[in-house]
Amino acid sequence: MANITSQIKRNKQNEKRRIRNRVARGSARTAVKKAQVQLESGQSEETKKSVLEAISVLDKAAQKGIIHKNNAARRKSRLMKSLATAKSK
């Protein structure tokens, strides 16, 4: 445990941020999983809607600095690639 006052404050701030970021990171994961499930099921209109929702959530998380922008870009790319292959089938 820290003895320095500024470090005690920093630890409190870090904990608050960790909890706030955890919510956004979890919702991003949930949106991506939901989109992947829709892609496997093969419902075209629902699938496109869920993929766009996941992309929006990933963009917001990257914008807030919760995940790295390249991480968001990679996940979005994978989703779009699987959406394109699902449409061609």
PDB file of N, CA and C in Angstrom:
ATOM      1  N   MET A   1       0.842  -1.180   0.000  1.00  0.00           N
ATOM      2  CA  MET A   1       0.000   0.000   0.000  1.00  0.00           C
ATOM      3  C   MET A   1       0.886   1.241   0.000  1.00  0.00           C
ATOM      4  N   ALA A   2       0.465   2.229  -0.731  1.00  0.00           N
ATOM      5  CA  ALA A   2       1.251   3.448  -0.863  1.00  0.00           C
ATOM      6  C   ALA A   2       1.165   4.292   0.403  1.00  0.00           C
ATOM      7  N   ASN A   3       2.273   4.953   0.725  1.00  0.00           N
ATOM      8  CA  ASN A   3       2.304   5.866   1.864  1.00  0.00           C
ATOM      9  C   ASN A   3       2.220   7.320   1.422  1.00  0.00           C
ATOM     10  N   ILE A   4       2.571   7.571   0.179  1.00  0.00           N
ATOM     11  CA  ILE A   4       2.608   8.933  -0.335  1.00  0.00           C
ATOM     12  C   ILE A   4       1.193   9.359  -0.729  1.00  0.00           C
ATOM     13  N   THR A   5       0.814  10.555  -0.321  1.00  0.00           N
ATOM     14  CA  THR A   5      -0.552  11.050  -0.527  1.00  0.00           C
ATOM     15  C   THR A   5      -0.939  11.087  -1.993  1.00  0.00           C
ATOM     16  N   SER A   6      -0.032  11.570  -2.830  1.00  0.00           N
ATOM     17  CA  SER A   6      -0.342  11.672  -4.261  1.00  0.00           C
ATOM     18  C   SER A   6      -0.520  10.295  -4.889  1.00  0.00           C
ATOM     19  N   GLN A   7       0.237   9.311  -4.391  1.00  0.00           N
ATOM     20  CA  GLN A   7       0.103   7.960  -4.929  1.00  0.00           C
ATOM     21  C   GLN A   7      -1.202   7.314  -4.466  1.00  0.00           C
ATOM     22  N   ILE A   8      -1.636   7.622  -3.264  1.00  0.00           N
ATOM     23  CA  ILE A   8      -2.921   7.122  -2.774  1.00  0.00           C
ATOM     24  C   ILE A   8      -4.041   7.662  -3.657  1.00  0.00           C
ATOM     25  N   LYS A   9      -3.966   8.964  -3.974  1.00  0.00           N
ATOM     26  CA  LYS A   9      -4.962   9.576  -4.857  1.00  0.00           C
ATOM     27  C   LYS A   9      -4.914   8.949  -6.238  1.00  0.00           C
ATOM     28  N   ARG A  10      -3.711   8.733  -6.753  1.00  0.00           N
ATOM     29  CA  ARG A  10      -3.541   8.126  -8.080  1.00  0.00           C
ATOM     30  C   ARG A  10      -4.162   6.734  -8.106  1.00  0.00           C
ATOM     31  N   ASN A  11      -3.987   5.959  -7.042  1.00  0.00           N
ATOM     32  CA  ASN A  11      -4.566   4.614  -6.975  1.00  0.00           C
ATOM     33  C   ASN A  11      -6.093   4.660  -7.016  1.00  0.00           C
ATOM     34  N   LYS A  12      -6.682   5.645  -6.321  1.00  0.00           N
ATOM     35  CA  LYS A  12      -8.135   5.797  -6.345  1.00  0.00           C
ATOM     36  C   LYS A  12      -8.614   6.145  -7.749  1.00  0.00           C
ATOM     37  N   GLN A  13      -7.902   7.048  -8.412  1.00  0.00           N
ATOM     38  CA  GLN A  13      -8.269   7.446  -9.775  1.00  0.00           C
ATOM     39  C   GLN A  13      -8.166   6.258 -10.727  1.00  0.00           C
ATOM     40  N   ASN A  14      -7.086   5.496 -10.590  1.00  0.00           N
ATOM     41  CA  ASN A  14      -6.883   4.337 -11.455  1.00  0.00           C
ATOM     42  C   ASN A  14      -7.994   3.311 -11.296  1.00  0.00           C
ATOM     43  N   GLU A  15      -8.422   3.109 -10.065  1.00  0.00           N
ATOM     44  CA  GLU A  15      -9.486   2.141  -9.812  1.00  0.00           C
ATOM     45  C   GLU A  15     -10.808   2.593 -10.442  1.00  0.00           C
ATOM     46  N   LYS A  16     -11.127   3.891 -10.312  1.00  0.00           N
ATOM     47  CA  LYS A  16     -12.344   4.427 -10.929  1.00  0.00           C
ATOM     48  C   LYS A  16     -12.298   4.268 -12.443  1.00  0.00           C
ATOM     49  N   ARG A  17     -11.154   4.579 -13.026  1.00  0.00           N
ATOM     50  CA  ARG A  17     -11.009   4.472 -14.480  1.00  0.00           C
ATOM     51  C   ARG A  17     -11.088   3.024 -14.934  1.00  0.00           C
ATOM     52  N   ARG A  18     -10.488   2.127 -14.144  1.00  0.00           N
ATOM     53  CA  ARG A  18     -10.508   0.710 -14.497  1.00  0.00           C
ATOM     54  C   ARG A  18     -11.943   0.195 -14.570  1.00  0.00           C
ATOM     55  N   ILE A  19     -12.753   0.580 -13.604  1.00  0.00           N
ATOM     56  CA  ILE A  19     -14.146   0.135 -13.577  1.00  0.00           C
ATOM     57  C   ILE A  19     -14.923   0.731 -14.756  1.00  0.00           C
ATOM     58  N   ARG A  20     -14.696   2.015 -15.027  1.00  0.00           N
ATOM     59  CA  ARG A  20     -15.375   2.680 -16.146  1.00  0.00           C
ATOM     60  C   ARG A  20     -14.973   2.044 -17.477  1.00  0.00           C
ATOM     61  N   ASN A  21     -13.693   1.783 -17.631  1.00  0.00           N
ATOM     62  CA  ASN A  21     -13.208   1.181 -18.876  1.00  0.00           C
ATOM     63  C   ASN A  21     -13.685  -0.254 -19.035  1.00  0.00           C
ATOM     64  N   ARG A  22     -13.810  -0.948 -17.919  1.00  0.00           N
ATOM     65  CA  ARG A  22     -14.244  -2.343 -17.953  1.00  0.00           C
ATOM     66  C   ARG A  22     -15.638  -2.475 -18.550  1.00  0.00           C
ATOM     67  N   VAL A  23     -16.515  -1.529 -18.223  1.00  0.00           N
ATOM     68  CA  VAL A  23     -17.884  -1.545 -18.745  1.00  0.00           C
ATOM     69  C   VAL A  23     -17.868  -1.400 -20.264  1.00  0.00           C
ATOM     70  N   ALA A  24     -17.104  -0.442 -20.760  1.00  0.00           N
ATOM     71  CA  ALA A  24     -17.060  -0.199 -22.201  1.00  0.00           C
ATOM     72  C   ALA A  24     -16.383  -1.349 -22.937  1.00  0.00           C
ATOM     73  N   ARG A  25     -15.317  -1.892 -22.350  1.00  0.00           N
ATOM     74  CA  ARG A  25     -14.611  -3.007 -22.972  1.00  0.00           C
ATOM     75  C   ARG A  25     -15.504  -4.243 -23.015  1.00  0.00           C
ATOM     76  N   GLY A  26     -16.262  -4.465 -21.946  1.00  0.00           N
ATOM     77  CA  GLY A  26     -17.180  -5.602 -21.899  1.00  0.00           C
ATOM     78  C   GLY A  26     -18.307  -5.471 -22.897  1.00  0.00           C
ATOM     79  N   SER A  27     -18.829  -4.266 -23.051  1.00  0.00           N
ATOM     80  CA  SER A  27     -19.912  -4.077 -24.023  1.00  0.00           C
ATOM     81  C   SER A  27     -19.394  -4.250 -25.452  1.00  0.00           C
ATOM     82  N   ALA A  28     -18.139  -3.877 -25.690  1.00  0.00           N
ATOM     83  CA  ALA A  28     -17.543  -4.088 -27.011  1.00  0.00           C
ATOM     84  C   ALA A  28     -17.419  -5.587 -27.292  1.00  0.00           C
ATOM     85  N   ARG A  29     -16.940  -6.326 -26.299  1.00  0.00           N
ATOM     86  CA  ARG A  29     -16.826  -7.781 -26.464  1.00  0.00           C
ATOM     87  C   ARG A  29     -18.180  -8.417 -26.725  1.00  0.00           C
ATOM     88  N   THR A  30     -19.187  -7.990 -25.972  1.00  0.00           N
ATOM     89  CA  THR A  30     -20.535  -8.536 -26.126  1.00  0.00           C
ATOM     90  C   THR A  30     -21.080  -8.254 -27.521  1.00  0.00           C
ATOM     91  N   ALA A  31     -20.889  -7.029 -28.009  1.00  0.00           N
ATOM     92  CA  ALA A  31     -21.384  -6.666 -29.339  1.00  0.00           C
ATOM     93  C   ALA A  31     -20.705  -7.491 -30.424  1.00  0.00           C
ATOM     94  N   VAL A  32     -19.406  -7.721 -30.279  1.00  0.00           N
ATOM     95  CA  VAL A  32     -18.675  -8.515 -31.271  1.00  0.00           C
ATOM     96  C   VAL A  32     -19.150  -9.968 -31.248  1.00  0.00           C
ATOM     97  N   LYS A  33     -19.326 -10.520 -30.058  1.00  0.00           N
ATOM     98  CA  LYS A  33     -19.806 -11.902 -29.950  1.00  0.00           C
ATOM     99  C   LYS A  33     -21.194 -12.051 -30.541  1.00  0.00           C
ATOM    100  N   LYS A  34     -22.052 -11.072 -30.269  1.00  0.00           N
ATOM    101  CA  LYS A  34     -23.410 -11.097 -30.806  1.00  0.00           C
ATOM    102  C   LYS A  34     -23.374 -11.073 -32.332  1.00  0.00           C
ATOM    103  N   ALA A  35     -22.493 -10.245 -32.890  1.00  0.00           N
ATOM    104  CA  ALA A  35     -22.349 -10.171 -34.346  1.00  0.00           C
ATOM    105  C   ALA A  35     -21.836 -11.492 -34.911  1.00  0.00           C
ATOM    106  N   GLN A  36     -20.893 -12.118 -34.223  1.00  0.00           N
ATOM    107  CA  GLN A  36     -20.354 -13.399 -34.693  1.00  0.00           C
ATOM    108  C   GLN A  36     -21.417 -14.490 -34.666  1.00  0.00           C
ATOM    109  N   VAL A  37     -22.249 -14.491 -33.642  1.00  0.00           N
ATOM    110  CA  VAL A  37     -23.340 -15.470 -33.563  1.00  0.00           C
ATOM    111  C   VAL A  37     -24.314 -15.254 -34.713  1.00  0.00           C
ATOM    112  N   GLN A  38     -24.642 -13.994 -34.999  1.00  0.00           N
ATOM    113  CA  GLN A  38     -25.533 -13.677 -36.112  1.00  0.00           C
ATOM    114  C   GLN A  38     -24.909 -14.113 -37.442  1.00  0.00           C
ATOM    115  N   LEU A  39     -23.604 -13.940 -37.587  1.00  0.00           N
ATOM    116  CA  LEU A  39     -22.926 -14.349 -38.819  1.00  0.00           C
ATOM    117  C   LEU A  39     -23.019 -15.862 -39.023  1.00  0.00           C
ATOM    118  N   GLU A  40     -22.904 -16.600 -37.927  1.00  0.00           N
ATOM    119  CA  GLU A  40     -22.981 -18.061 -38.025  1.00  0.00           C
ATOM    120  C   GLU A  40     -24.404 -18.526 -38.328  1.00  0.00           C
ATOM    121  N   SER A  41     -25.391 -17.796 -37.811  1.00  0.00           N
ATOM    122  CA  SER A  41     -26.781 -18.208 -38.027  1.00  0.00           C
ATOM    123  C   SER A  41     -27.227 -17.946 -39.462  1.00  0.00           C
ATOM    124  N   GLY A  42     -26.703 -16.876 -40.081  1.00  0.00           N
ATOM    125  CA  GLY A  42     -26.967 -16.630 -41.491  1.00  0.00           C
ATOM    126  C   GLY A  42     -28.154 -15.749 -41.809  1.00  0.00           C
ATOM    127  N   GLN A  43     -28.712 -15.046 -40.845  1.00  0.00           N
ATOM    128  CA  GLN A  43     -29.817 -14.128 -41.118  1.00  0.00           C
ATOM    129  C   GLN A  43     -29.227 -12.816 -41.635  1.00  0.00           C
ATOM    130  N   SER A  44     -29.509 -12.494 -42.893  1.00  0.00           N
ATOM    131  CA  SER A  44     -28.792 -11.413 -43.557  1.00  0.00           C
ATOM    132  C   SER A  44     -29.044 -10.026 -42.973  1.00  0.00           C
ATOM    133  N   GLU A  45     -30.303  -9.623 -42.824  1.00  0.00           N
ATOM    134  CA  GLU A  45     -30.592  -8.260 -42.354  1.00  0.00           C
ATOM    135  C   GLU A  45     -30.188  -8.072 -40.897  1.00  0.00           C
ATOM    136  N   GLU A  46     -30.492  -9.053 -40.070  1.00  0.00           N
ATOM    137  CA  GLU A  46     -30.114  -8.998 -38.653  1.00  0.00           C
ATOM    138  C   GLU A  46     -28.594  -8.993 -38.510  1.00  0.00           C
ATOM    139  N   THR A  47     -27.938  -9.756 -39.357  1.00  0.00           N
ATOM    140  CA  THR A  47     -26.479  -9.862 -39.297  1.00  0.00           C
ATOM    141  C   THR A  47     -25.824  -8.526 -39.591  1.00  0.00           C
ATOM    142  N   LYS A  48     -26.248  -7.888 -40.658  1.00  0.00           N
ATOM    143  CA  LYS A  48     -25.663  -6.607 -41.037  1.00  0.00           C
ATOM    144  C   LYS A  48     -25.875  -5.574 -39.934  1.00  0.00           C
ATOM    145  N   LYS A  49     -27.049  -5.588 -39.347  1.00  0.00           N
ATOM    146  CA  LYS A  49     -27.373  -4.641 -38.282  1.00  0.00           C
ATOM    147  C   LYS A  49     -26.473  -4.868 -37.059  1.00  0.00           C
ATOM    148  N   SER A  50     -26.283  -6.120 -36.676  1.00  0.00           N
ATOM    149  CA  SER A  50     -25.463  -6.414 -35.504  1.00  0.00           C
ATOM    150  C   SER A  50     -23.982  -6.124 -35.762  1.00  0.00           C
ATOM    151  N   VAL A  51     -23.522  -6.346 -36.992  1.00  0.00           N
ATOM    152  CA  VAL A  51     -22.129  -6.035 -37.333  1.00  0.00           C
ATOM    153  C   VAL A  51     -21.905  -4.523 -37.268  1.00  0.00           C
ATOM    154  N   LEU A  52     -22.834  -3.745 -37.794  1.00  0.00           N
ATOM    155  CA  LEU A  52     -22.712  -2.294 -37.735  1.00  0.00           C
ATOM    156  C   LEU A  52     -22.753  -1.782 -36.292  1.00  0.00           C
ATOM    157  N   GLU A  53     -23.560  -2.408 -35.474  1.00  0.00           N
ATOM    158  CA  GLU A  53     -23.620  -2.060 -34.052  1.00  0.00           C
ATOM    159  C   GLU A  53     -22.273  -2.338 -33.375  1.00  0.00           C
ATOM    160  N   ALA A  54     -21.693  -3.499 -33.674  1.00  0.00           N
ATOM    161  CA  ALA A  54     -20.403  -3.861 -33.088  1.00  0.00           C
ATOM    162  C   ALA A  54     -19.311  -2.882 -33.534  1.00  0.00           C
ATOM    163  N   ILE A  55     -19.346  -2.487 -34.795  1.00  0.00           N
ATOM    164  CA  ILE A  55     -18.358  -1.540 -35.311  1.00  0.00           C
ATOM    165  C   ILE A  55     -18.489  -0.197 -34.591  1.00  0.00           C
ATOM    166  N   SER A  56     -19.710   0.232 -34.368  1.00  0.00           N
ATOM    167  CA  SER A  56     -19.947   1.491 -33.663  1.00  0.00           C
ATOM    168  C   SER A  56     -19.402   1.434 -32.242  1.00  0.00           C
ATOM    169  N   VAL A  57     -19.652   0.342 -31.549  1.00  0.00           N
ATOM    170  CA  VAL A  57     -19.179   0.195 -30.168  1.00  0.00           C
ATOM    171  C   VAL A  57     -17.651   0.150 -30.132  1.00  0.00           C
ATOM    172  N   LEU A  58     -17.038  -0.544 -31.083  1.00  0.00           N
ATOM    173  CA  LEU A  58     -15.577  -0.603 -31.149  1.00  0.00           C
ATOM    174  C   LEU A  58     -14.976   0.774 -31.412  1.00  0.00           C
ATOM    175  N   ASP A  59     -15.609   1.535 -32.311  1.00  0.00           N
ATOM    176  CA  ASP A  59     -15.125   2.883 -32.604  1.00  0.00           C
ATOM    177  C   ASP A  59     -15.184   3.774 -31.366  1.00  0.00           C
ATOM    178  N   LYS A  60     -16.269   3.679 -30.619  1.00  0.00           N
ATOM    179  CA  LYS A  60     -16.417   4.492 -29.416  1.00  0.00           C
ATOM    180  C   LYS A  60     -15.358   4.124 -28.374  1.00  0.00           C
ATOM    181  N   ALA A  61     -15.099   2.822 -28.218  1.00  0.00           N
ATOM    182  CA  ALA A  61     -14.094   2.380 -27.251  1.00  0.00           C
ATOM    183  C   ALA A  61     -12.699   2.863 -27.662  1.00  0.00           C
ATOM    184  N   ALA A  62     -12.418   2.828 -28.961  1.00  0.00           N
ATOM    185  CA  ALA A  62     -11.115   3.287 -29.447  1.00  0.00           C
ATOM    186  C   ALA A  62     -10.984   4.797 -29.288  1.00  0.00           C
ATOM    187  N   GLN A  63     -12.065   5.504 -29.523  1.00  0.00           N
ATOM    188  CA  GLN A  63     -12.044   6.959 -29.406  1.00  0.00           C
ATOM    189  C   GLN A  63     -11.782   7.397 -27.962  1.00  0.00           C
ATOM    190  N   LYS A  64     -12.332   6.648 -27.016  1.00  0.00           N
ATOM    191  CA  LYS A  64     -12.140   6.974 -25.608  1.00  0.00           C
ATOM    192  C   LYS A  64     -10.789   6.483 -25.083  1.00  0.00           C
ATOM    193  N   GLY A  65     -10.074   5.701 -25.889  1.00  0.00           N
ATOM    194  CA  GLY A  65      -8.769   5.210 -25.465  1.00  0.00           C
ATOM    195  C   GLY A  65      -8.841   3.950 -24.628  1.00  0.00           C
ATOM    196  N   ILE A  66      -9.989   3.294 -24.643  1.00  0.00           N
ATOM    197  CA  ILE A  66     -10.161   2.084 -23.849  1.00  0.00           C
ATOM    198  C   ILE A  66      -9.451   0.912 -24.521  1.00  0.00           C
ATOM    199  N   ILE A  67      -9.572   0.837 -25.842  1.00  0.00           N
ATOM    200  CA  ILE A  67      -8.773  -0.119 -26.612  1.00  0.00           C
ATOM    201  C   ILE A  67      -7.981   0.678 -27.639  1.00  0.00           C
ATOM    202  N   HIS A  68      -6.899   0.117 -28.102  1.00  0.00           N
ATOM    203  CA  HIS A  68      -6.055   0.793 -29.082  1.00  0.00           C
ATOM    204  C   HIS A  68      -6.782   0.882 -30.420  1.00  0.00           C
ATOM    205  N   LYS A  69      -6.523   1.952 -31.160  1.00  0.00           N
ATOM    206  CA  LYS A  69      -7.234   2.154 -32.430  1.00  0.00           C
ATOM    207  C   LYS A  69      -6.935   1.040 -33.427  1.00  0.00           C
ATOM    208  N   ASN A  70      -5.721   0.502 -33.412  1.00  0.00           N
ATOM    209  CA  ASN A  70      -5.392  -0.596 -34.327  1.00  0.00           C
ATOM    210  C   ASN A  70      -6.111  -1.883 -33.926  1.00  0.00           C
ATOM    211  N   ASN A  71      -6.307  -2.064 -32.625  1.00  0.00           N
ATOM    212  CA  ASN A  71      -7.060  -3.212 -32.127  1.00  0.00           C
ATOM    213  C   ASN A  71      -8.499  -3.142 -32.636  1.00  0.00           C
ATOM    214  N   ALA A  72      -9.098  -1.955 -32.538  1.00  0.00           N
ATOM    215  CA  ALA A  72     -10.471  -1.772 -33.029  1.00  0.00           C
ATOM    216  C   ALA A  72     -10.527  -1.989 -34.534  1.00  0.00           C
ATOM    217  N   ALA A  73      -9.545  -1.461 -35.249  1.00  0.00           N
ATOM    218  CA  ALA A  73      -9.518  -1.601 -36.704  1.00  0.00           C
ATOM    219  C   ALA A  73      -9.400  -3.070 -37.113  1.00  0.00           C
ATOM    220  N   ARG A  74      -8.568  -3.817 -36.397  1.00  0.00           N
ATOM    221  CA  ARG A  74      -8.395  -5.245 -36.694  1.00  0.00           C
ATOM    222  C   ARG A  74      -9.697  -6.015 -36.476  1.00  0.00           C
ATOM    223  N   ARG A  75     -10.370  -5.747 -35.369  1.00  0.00           N
ATOM    224  CA  ARG A  75     -11.628  -6.438 -35.080  1.00  0.00           C
ATOM    225  C   ARG A  75     -12.706  -6.081 -36.100  1.00  0.00           C
ATOM    226  N   LYS A  76     -12.770  -4.800 -36.471  1.00  0.00           N
ATOM    227  CA  LYS A  76     -13.748  -4.366 -37.466  1.00  0.00           C
ATOM    228  C   LYS A  76     -13.475  -5.031 -38.811  1.00  0.00           C
ATOM    229  N   SER A  77     -12.205  -5.121 -39.152  1.00  0.00           N
ATOM    230  CA  SER A  77     -11.821  -5.737 -40.420  1.00  0.00           C
ATOM    231  C   SER A  77     -12.238  -7.204 -40.457  1.00  0.00           C
ATOM    232  N   ARG A  78     -12.026  -7.895 -39.368  1.00  0.00           N
ATOM    233  CA  ARG A  78     -12.399  -9.314 -39.301  1.00  0.00           C
ATOM    234  C   ARG A  78     -13.908  -9.488 -39.408  1.00  0.00           C
ATOM    235  N   LEU A  79     -14.651  -8.602 -38.741  1.00  0.00           N
ATOM    236  CA  LEU A  79     -16.108  -8.676 -38.824  1.00  0.00           C
ATOM    237  C   LEU A  79     -16.588  -8.441 -40.256  1.00  0.00           C
ATOM    238  N   MET A  80     -16.044  -7.413 -40.905  1.00  0.00           N
ATOM    239  CA  MET A  80     -16.466  -7.093 -42.267  1.00  0.00           C
ATOM    240  C   MET A  80     -16.085  -8.216 -43.238  1.00  0.00           C
ATOM    241  N   LYS A  81     -14.931  -8.812 -43.003  1.00  0.00           N
ATOM    242  CA  LYS A  81     -14.486  -9.915 -43.865  1.00  0.00           C
ATOM    243  C   LYS A  81     -15.440 -11.099 -43.723  1.00  0.00           C
ATOM    244  N   SER A  82     -15.820 -11.431 -42.488  1.00  0.00           N
ATOM    245  CA  SER A  82     -16.748 -12.544 -42.315  1.00  0.00           C
ATOM    246  C   SER A  82     -18.138 -12.210 -42.829  1.00  0.00           C
ATOM    247  N   LEU A  83     -18.537 -10.942 -42.765  1.00  0.00           N
ATOM    248  CA  LEU A  83     -19.817 -10.533 -43.318  1.00  0.00           C
ATOM    249  C   LEU A  83     -19.814 -10.698 -44.838  1.00  0.00           C
ATOM    250  N   ALA A  84     -18.707 -10.338 -45.470  1.00  0.00           N
ATOM    251  CA  ALA A  84     -18.602 -10.467 -46.927  1.00  0.00           C
ATOM    252  C   ALA A  84     -18.635 -11.936 -47.356  1.00  0.00           C
ATOM    253  N   THR A  85     -17.954 -12.786 -46.611  1.00  0.00           N
ATOM    254  CA  THR A  85     -17.975 -14.223 -46.953  1.00  0.00           C
ATOM    255  C   THR A  85     -19.345 -14.825 -46.700  1.00  0.00           C
ATOM    256  N   ALA A  86     -20.037 -14.337 -45.662  1.00  0.00           N
ATOM    257  CA  ALA A  86     -21.383 -14.850 -45.361  1.00  0.00           C
ATOM    258  C   ALA A  86     -22.367 -14.444 -46.447  1.00  0.00           C
ATOM    259  N   LYS A  87     -22.192 -13.254 -47.009  1.00  0.00           N
ATOM    260  CA  LYS A  87     -23.096 -12.811 -48.090  1.00  0.00           C
ATOM    261  C   LYS A  87     -22.872 -13.604 -49.368  1.00  0.00           C
ATOM    262  N   SER A  88     -21.615 -13.978 -49.628  1.00  0.00           N
ATOM    263  CA  SER A  88     -21.304 -14.681 -50.867  1.00  0.00           C
ATOM    264  C   SER A  88     -21.785 -16.130 -50.846  1.00  0.00           C
ATOM    265  N   LYS A  89     -22.043 -16.672 -49.655  1.00  0.00           N
ATOM    266  CA  LYS A  89     -22.495 -18.079 -49.576  1.00  0.00           C
ATOM    267  C   LYS A  89     -23.930 -18.247 -49.956  1.00  0.00           C
TER     268      LYS A  89
END
